[in-house]
Structures are given as C-alpha cells and as structure tokens.
Amino acid sequence: MKIETYIAQLLYRYQCVTVPGFGAFLTEIHSAQLNESTNSFFPPKKMISFNSHLKNNDGLLANHIANGEKTSYGFAVSAIAFEVQSWKKTLDENGTISLKNIGEIRLNSEKNIIFTPNDQTNFLTSSFGLSPFVSPIVKKENFEKKIREIEEREPIALFEEEGRSSNSFLKYAAIFVLGLGITGSIGYPLYQNQIATKTLIVESAVQKKVQNKIQEATFLIQNPLPAVTLSVDSAKVEAAEEKAMPYHIMAGAFRSEQNARKAYNQLIKDGFKARMLGENKHGLFPVLYGSYATMAEAEKAQKEIQKGENPDAWILIESL
C-alpha cells in the first residue's frame, strides 16, 4: 500500500498529517508573490515542511486509510507501520526516498532527515486553477514615443477643424491606453491586499479543522507546582479584549483540568502571558503560551519558544 497517496489527500484539508513512527508533514499558507526581477506573479499556496519529532499516532491517517480501503483501523495502523519500515530501509540503503506529489526525503551526513517539497503541487484548494504568469513591463516613456510617431505619420487634413479633431482623438486614445497601464500598477497592491484578506480567512478555516486533532500532553513539566489562585484585574482584561488577538501559540491540551492549571501556573511563573481556556468539545483543556495581534509577532514568538521551551509549539488562528 502506497500511503503517500492518502497523505497527499489529507494535506489539502489539514495543517498537520502525522505518519506514526516516522514524522509529520506540516503546511503553511503563503500569500501571492511577485518576482520583480522576472515580472512573474505566483498565486497563494500551501508550503509543505517535515518535522521528524512528531511521531505519535493521532489516528487521522489511519482512519482515512481505513475508510478509503474499506478495512479496519487496526489493519490500517499495521499497513502504515509496514510502509514506514520500508521507508527507513530505503533511506538506510539509498539515502533518499521520493513521495509522489509531496516531495523528497533524504539523509544528510549526520543521518538527519532533510525534506525537499514538490513545488509543482499546490495543496491550497482556494488556489485551484491558478497558475504563475509573467506580465510585460509597461513604461510611460514607450507610450509617449508611440504618440509622437503616430502624430508624425498622420496625414494633413483638408480642413483645419478636421485636423484638430483627428489629433485630439489620437491624444485622448493615447491617454486612455496610458491610463490602463497606470491603473494596472496601482491595482496590483489592491489585489495583494485582497489576497491577504482571503488568505487569513482560509488560515482560520484550516486551523479550526486542525483543532479537532489536538493531542494531549504535548506540554511536559518535570516538577509541577501546586495550583495557585491568581487575582485578575477586570479593567485590564476588558482593555485586552478590545484589541483583536487572533494568533495563539499552543502549549498543550490536557484531559485533566488540574494538569492544565499546573501547566498554566508554570508558564506564568516563567514569564509568559499564558492563557488557560475552558473545556472544549473534545473534553480537553487547552493552554496557550500567549496571544498576538499579527502573524509576524506570533511566528517570532513561536521560534523563540521552539528553541528554548517546546519544539512542538504551534500557532492556532482563531478569535477566542
């Protein structure tokens, strides 16, 4: 069974697809891009990365395979394990494996996994049918030169009135064409803003689906402290709520409210502006490192946390 086909199907719908015992494929949405040196435009797309540290079975891939193959969940888990063994053997022997429509995985000199995504596949469904294109450069000087050439070639009219009317028409036509070029140069930034807005909407939708697969105990505390009661300034809370903070860094989700409270207290003690959310529909109590107003702020904080605190910390996009 080639499980990369099922992995690719899930990457269209989810932000994280874990292959038990091997690692996880992660997606990140990139907005439309412009390459000024080549005048090339690229549509929004999902970029694929790989994390070899996320190996726990979340059931997503096994359930999808079981439904697709009309078989049991246990058989699907066994099939995944068999395929993973085959991948590892191929890596040891050849140093590289190729996953159709996903990318290439190889081992470097230190036996670490290096992943190179397939640039030809765009897993962002909202960009279906969009492809890169090259736009010719429109320069004002070229239009002015063409206007002069047209005026020089235009024959002299028998009547002065007709001559004036003809020249005026040519000038207005040239101005209209020049206006189209200028409108294009102004319209592109507006198009980019529209794309960025739609991208945020897609990110939010994807993140809501990912929330259904939150794993328990992704945040570990060696020596948990006893729960303490913290006083909250209601005025400060109201002021914070007024500012939209839709980007959150997840520390973990716990079955036990007591464990979630201990994790929250430890984060507060470590200096984070942590938050503990109420029980969700899955019976879990999520704990956040903090919330941020922009994606850039959240990504910067995520990198610092992954470096020193928790390499599995990830970003949730949702208005809480």
Protein backbone atom coordinates (compact mmCIF):
# COMPACT_ATOMS: atom_id res chain seq x y z
CA MET A 1 0.00 0.00 0.00
CA LYS A 2 1.38 3.42 -1.02
CA ILE A 3 0.31 5.62 1.88
CA GLU A 4 1.74 8.81 0.29
CA THR A 5 -1.45 9.00 -1.81
CA TYR A 6 -3.55 9.26 1.35
CA ILE A 7 -1.08 11.70 2.93
CA ALA A 8 -1.39 13.99 -0.09
CA GLN A 9 -5.20 13.85 0.10
CA LEU A 10 -5.14 14.90 3.77
CA LEU A 11 -2.70 17.77 3.13
CA TYR A 12 -5.43 19.52 1.11
CA ARG A 13 -7.65 19.60 4.22
CA TYR A 14 -5.39 19.64 7.29
CA GLN A 15 -2.42 21.61 8.57
CA CYS A 16 -0.67 18.60 10.08
CA VAL A 17 -0.61 14.97 8.88
CA THR A 18 1.37 12.64 11.15
CA VAL A 19 2.89 9.36 9.97
CA PRO A 20 3.17 7.30 13.20
CA GLY A 21 6.73 6.29 13.97
CA PHE A 22 8.22 8.46 11.23
CA GLY A 23 7.28 12.15 11.46
CA ALA A 24 4.70 14.78 10.48
CA PHE A 25 4.09 16.80 7.33
CA LEU A 26 3.11 20.39 8.14
CA THR A 27 1.54 23.02 5.90
CA GLU A 28 1.86 26.82 5.97
CA ILE A 29 -0.12 29.18 3.74
CA HIS A 30 1.90 31.74 1.76
CA SER A 31 0.19 34.70 0.13
CA ALA A 32 0.52 35.66 -3.55
CA GLN A 33 4.08 36.60 -4.56
CA LEU A 34 5.67 38.91 -7.15
CA ASN A 35 9.16 38.34 -8.53
CA GLU A 36 10.14 41.83 -9.67
CA SER A 37 13.26 40.68 -11.49
CA THR A 38 11.23 38.45 -13.84
CA ASN A 39 7.82 40.19 -13.57
CA SER A 40 6.35 36.85 -12.50
CA PHE A 41 3.20 36.52 -10.39
CA PHE A 42 2.59 33.45 -8.20
CA PRO A 43 -0.79 32.56 -6.61
CA PRO A 44 -1.23 31.80 -2.88
CA LYS A 45 -0.14 28.28 -1.94
CA LYS A 46 0.43 25.85 0.88
CA MET A 47 4.11 25.21 1.60
CA ILE A 48 4.96 21.73 2.97
CA SER A 49 7.58 21.07 5.66
CA PHE A 50 8.53 17.99 7.69
CA ASN A 51 9.10 17.50 11.44
CA SER A 52 10.72 14.20 12.39
CA HIS A 53 10.00 14.76 16.12
CA LEU A 54 6.19 14.46 15.78
CA LYS A 55 5.68 10.70 15.64
CA ASN A 56 2.69 9.97 17.89
CA ASN A 57 -0.34 8.39 16.23
CA ASP A 58 -3.23 10.87 16.21
CA GLY A 59 -5.48 8.49 14.25
CA LEU A 60 -6.02 10.88 11.33
CA LEU A 61 -4.04 8.98 8.68
CA ALA A 62 -5.10 5.51 9.88
CA ASN A 63 -8.79 6.44 9.87
CA HIS A 64 -8.50 7.95 6.39
CA ILE A 65 -6.79 4.83 5.04
CA ALA A 66 -9.34 2.55 6.72
CA ASN A 67 -12.21 4.46 5.10
CA GLY A 68 -10.50 4.57 1.71
CA GLU A 69 -9.56 0.88 1.67
CA LYS A 70 -12.82 -0.30 3.32
CA THR A 71 -10.85 -2.07 6.02
CA SER A 72 -10.37 -1.95 9.79
CA TYR A 73 -8.50 0.68 11.76
CA GLY A 74 -6.08 -1.96 13.10
CA PHE A 75 -5.20 -3.14 9.62
CA ALA A 76 -4.57 0.48 8.54
CA VAL A 77 -2.21 1.01 11.50
CA SER A 78 -0.31 -2.17 10.55
CA ALA A 79 -0.10 -1.05 6.92
CA ILE A 80 1.36 2.31 7.97
CA ALA A 81 3.94 0.59 10.20
CA PHE A 82 4.95 -1.72 7.34
CA GLU A 83 5.34 1.22 4.93
CA VAL A 84 7.38 3.18 7.48
CA GLN A 85 9.75 0.21 7.87
CA SER A 86 10.14 0.15 4.08
CA TRP A 87 10.92 3.90 4.03
CA LYS A 88 13.54 3.58 6.75
CA LYS A 89 15.18 0.64 4.98
CA THR A 90 15.29 2.56 1.69
CA LEU A 91 16.80 5.59 3.45
CA ASP A 92 19.49 3.44 5.04
CA GLU A 93 20.35 1.77 1.74
CA ASN A 94 19.91 4.60 -0.79
CA GLY A 95 19.88 7.70 1.39
CA THR A 96 16.73 9.10 -0.24
CA ILE A 97 13.04 8.35 -0.90
CA SER A 98 10.59 10.12 -3.20
CA LEU A 99 6.95 10.59 -2.16
CA LYS A 100 4.67 11.28 -5.13
CA ASN A 101 3.24 14.86 -5.19
CA ILE A 102 4.72 15.54 -1.74
CA GLY A 103 8.49 15.76 -2.05
CA GLU A 104 11.81 14.05 -1.44
CA ILE A 105 13.26 12.87 1.88
CA ARG A 106 16.97 12.18 2.26
CA LEU A 107 19.59 11.71 4.99
CA ASN A 108 22.48 14.14 5.38
CA SER A 109 25.97 13.25 6.53
CA GLU A 110 24.83 13.38 10.17
CA LYS A 111 21.93 10.98 9.48
CA ASN A 112 19.35 13.74 9.94
CA ILE A 113 16.26 13.82 7.71
CA ILE A 114 16.17 16.59 5.09
CA PHE A 115 12.86 17.25 3.29
CA THR A 116 12.55 18.97 -0.11
CA PRO A 117 8.90 19.72 -1.04
CA ASN A 118 7.45 19.25 -4.52
CA ASP A 119 6.99 22.79 -5.90
CA GLN A 120 4.64 21.57 -8.66
CA THR A 121 1.83 20.68 -6.24
CA ASN A 122 -0.30 23.37 -4.55
CA PHE A 123 -2.38 21.97 -1.67
CA LEU A 124 -4.33 25.22 -1.19
CA THR A 125 -7.82 24.43 -2.52
CA SER A 126 -8.77 28.11 -2.89
CA SER A 127 -5.97 28.50 -5.47
CA PHE A 128 -7.25 25.65 -7.65
CA GLY A 129 -6.87 26.55 -11.32
CA LEU A 130 -4.47 29.44 -10.67
CA SER A 131 -1.01 29.24 -12.20
CA PRO A 132 2.03 31.55 -12.31
CA PHE A 133 2.20 34.07 -15.15
CA VAL A 134 4.60 36.69 -16.48
CA SER A 135 3.41 40.25 -17.16
CA PRO A 136 5.24 42.51 -19.65
CA ILE A 137 6.64 45.79 -18.29
CA VAL A 138 4.54 48.87 -19.08
CA LYS A 139 6.58 52.08 -19.26
CA LYS A 140 5.30 55.62 -19.70
CA GLU A 141 8.19 56.58 -22.00
CA ASN A 142 7.18 53.98 -24.60
CA PHE A 143 3.65 55.40 -24.83
CA GLU A 144 4.89 58.97 -25.27
CA LYS A 145 7.23 57.84 -28.05
CA LYS A 146 4.41 56.00 -29.83
CA ILE A 147 2.17 59.09 -29.56
CA ARG A 148 4.81 61.23 -31.30
CA GLU A 149 5.27 58.62 -34.03
CA ILE A 150 1.53 58.48 -34.69
CA GLU A 151 1.26 62.27 -34.88
CA GLU A 152 4.15 62.46 -37.37
CA ARG A 153 2.59 59.80 -39.62
CA GLU A 154 -0.94 61.29 -39.52
CA PRO A 155 -1.76 62.96 -42.95
CA ILE A 156 -2.61 66.69 -43.07
CA ALA A 157 -6.39 67.21 -43.24
CA LEU A 158 -8.01 69.48 -45.84
CA PHE A 159 -9.77 71.44 -43.17
CA GLU A 160 -8.17 72.71 -40.01
CA GLU A 161 -11.17 71.66 -37.92
CA GLU A 162 -10.92 68.07 -39.10
CA GLY A 163 -7.17 68.06 -38.38
CA ARG A 164 -7.71 69.29 -34.86
CA SER A 165 -10.43 66.74 -34.27
CA SER A 166 -8.23 63.89 -35.52
CA ASN A 167 -5.23 64.93 -33.42
CA SER A 168 -7.43 65.35 -30.35
CA PHE A 169 -8.86 61.89 -30.86
CA LEU A 170 -5.37 60.36 -31.06
CA LYS A 171 -4.25 62.18 -27.93
CA TYR A 172 -7.31 61.03 -25.99
CA ALA A 173 -6.81 57.47 -27.21
CA ALA A 174 -3.17 57.54 -26.15
CA ILE A 175 -4.09 58.97 -22.73
CA PHE A 176 -6.69 56.20 -22.33
CA VAL A 177 -4.11 53.48 -23.10
CA LEU A 178 -1.58 55.11 -20.76
CA GLY A 179 -4.27 55.23 -18.07
CA LEU A 180 -4.79 51.49 -18.39
CA GLY A 181 -1.09 50.93 -17.69
CA ILE A 182 -1.11 53.22 -14.64
CA THR A 183 -4.31 51.57 -13.35
CA GLY A 184 -2.57 48.20 -13.57
CA SER A 185 0.38 49.42 -11.49
CA ILE A 186 -1.97 50.84 -8.85
CA GLY A 187 -4.37 47.92 -8.94
CA TYR A 188 -1.78 45.26 -8.14
CA PRO A 189 -1.23 46.43 -4.49
CA LEU A 190 -5.02 46.44 -4.06
CA TYR A 191 -5.11 42.89 -5.45
CA GLN A 192 -2.40 41.86 -2.98
CA ASN A 193 -4.42 43.28 -0.05
CA GLN A 194 -7.48 41.35 -1.21
CA ILE A 195 -5.44 38.14 -1.48
CA ALA A 196 -4.00 38.67 2.04
CA THR A 197 -7.53 39.06 3.46
CA LYS A 198 -8.76 35.88 1.75
CA THR A 199 -5.62 34.03 2.92
CA LEU A 200 -6.39 34.90 6.56
CA ILE A 201 -9.93 33.52 6.12
CA VAL A 202 -8.52 30.27 4.69
CA GLU A 203 -5.96 30.05 7.51
CA SER A 204 -8.73 30.38 10.09
CA ALA A 205 -10.78 27.64 8.43
CA VAL A 206 -7.78 25.29 8.30
CA GLN A 207 -6.90 25.98 11.92
CA LYS A 208 -10.44 25.10 13.04
CA LYS A 209 -10.05 21.69 11.41
CA VAL A 210 -6.63 21.20 12.99
CA GLN A 211 -8.11 21.93 16.43
CA ASN A 212 -10.11 18.69 16.13
CA LYS A 213 -6.79 16.79 16.23
CA ILE A 214 -5.23 18.43 19.31
CA GLN A 215 -3.08 15.92 21.21
CA GLU A 216 -2.98 15.58 24.97
CA ALA A 217 0.22 16.18 26.93
CA THR A 218 2.27 17.97 24.27
CA PHE A 219 3.46 20.17 27.12
CA LEU A 220 5.54 18.40 29.80
CA ILE A 221 6.54 19.67 33.26
CA GLN A 222 9.16 17.75 35.19
CA ASN A 223 8.32 19.17 38.63
CA PRO A 224 4.77 20.60 38.54
CA LEU A 225 3.94 23.21 41.14
CA PRO A 226 0.73 23.12 43.22
CA ALA A 227 -2.16 25.11 41.82
CA VAL A 228 -2.41 28.71 42.97
CA THR A 229 -5.18 31.25 42.71
CA LEU A 230 -4.41 34.41 40.75
CA SER A 231 -6.30 37.66 41.02
CA VAL A 232 -7.31 39.25 37.71
CA ASP A 233 -7.78 42.93 37.11
CA SER A 234 -11.12 43.09 35.24
CA ALA A 235 -10.30 46.52 33.78
CA LYS A 236 -7.11 45.18 32.19
CA VAL A 237 -8.96 42.14 30.86
CA GLU A 238 -11.58 44.33 29.19
CA ALA A 239 -8.87 46.51 27.64
CA ALA A 240 -7.07 43.46 26.28
CA GLU A 241 -10.27 42.06 24.79
CA GLU A 242 -10.82 45.25 22.83
CA LYS A 243 -7.68 44.53 20.77
CA ALA A 244 -8.10 41.59 18.41
CA MET A 245 -5.53 38.86 19.17
CA PRO A 246 -6.43 36.02 16.79
CA TYR A 247 -2.98 34.35 16.70
CA HIS A 248 -2.22 31.99 19.63
CA ILE A 249 0.74 29.72 20.42
CA MET A 250 -0.43 26.37 21.78
CA ALA A 251 1.44 24.87 24.73
CA GLY A 252 -0.76 21.80 25.06
CA ALA A 253 -4.21 20.35 25.73
CA PHE A 254 -4.99 18.22 28.79
CA ARG A 255 -7.69 15.75 29.77
CA SER A 256 -7.28 16.83 33.39
CA GLU A 257 -8.19 20.39 34.33
CA GLN A 258 -5.76 20.12 37.26
CA ASN A 259 -2.85 19.30 34.93
CA ALA A 260 -3.85 22.16 32.65
CA ARG A 261 -3.90 24.52 35.64
CA LYS A 262 -0.42 23.38 36.70
CA ALA A 263 0.90 23.96 33.19
CA TYR A 264 -0.70 27.41 33.10
CA ASN A 265 0.79 28.38 36.50
CA GLN A 266 4.25 27.20 35.40
CA LEU A 267 4.06 29.34 32.26
CA ILE A 268 3.02 32.38 34.28
CA LYS A 269 5.95 31.73 36.63
CA ASP A 270 8.29 31.53 33.61
CA GLY A 271 7.17 34.97 32.47
CA PHE A 272 4.72 34.07 29.66
CA LYS A 273 1.40 35.86 29.20
CA ALA A 274 -0.26 32.47 29.29
CA ARG A 275 -3.95 31.67 28.96
CA MET A 276 -5.96 28.64 30.02
CA LEU A 277 -9.13 28.02 28.00
CA GLY A 278 -12.27 26.26 29.16
CA GLU A 279 -13.11 22.68 28.27
CA ASN A 280 -13.65 22.26 24.53
CA LYS A 281 -15.99 19.86 22.72
CA HIS A 282 -13.32 17.14 22.82
CA GLY A 283 -13.13 17.23 26.61
CA LEU A 284 -9.68 18.89 26.59
CA PHE A 285 -8.42 21.98 28.41
CA PRO A 286 -6.10 23.97 26.05
CA VAL A 287 -3.25 26.07 27.46
CA LEU A 288 -1.66 28.93 25.45
CA TYR A 289 1.79 30.49 25.75
CA GLY A 290 0.20 33.77 24.66
CA SER A 291 -1.89 35.56 22.03
CA TYR A 292 -0.75 38.03 19.37
CA ALA A 293 -2.31 40.64 17.08
CA THR A 294 -0.34 39.71 13.93
CA MET A 295 1.02 36.54 12.35
CA ALA A 296 4.54 38.04 12.28
CA GLU A 297 4.52 38.54 16.07
CA ALA A 298 3.22 35.02 16.62
CA GLU A 299 5.84 33.43 14.33
CA LYS A 300 8.65 35.33 16.06
CA ALA A 301 7.47 34.17 19.50
CA GLN A 302 6.96 30.61 18.21
CA LYS A 303 10.57 30.36 17.02
CA GLU A 304 11.87 31.52 20.42
CA ILE A 305 9.63 29.04 22.26
CA GLN A 306 10.58 26.14 19.95
CA LYS A 307 14.25 26.97 20.50
CA GLY A 308 14.23 27.06 24.30
CA GLU A 309 10.95 25.69 25.65
CA ASN A 310 8.92 23.39 23.44
CA PRO A 311 9.90 22.30 19.88
CA ASP A 312 6.30 21.15 19.27
CA ALA A 313 4.66 24.54 19.95
CA TRP A 314 2.38 25.56 17.07
CA ILE A 315 0.18 28.50 16.06
CA LEU A 316 -3.62 28.45 16.33
CA ILE A 317 -5.57 31.08 14.37
CA GLU A 318 -8.96 31.69 15.97
CA SER A 319 -10.88 34.54 17.58
CA LEU A 320 -11.32 33.40 21.17
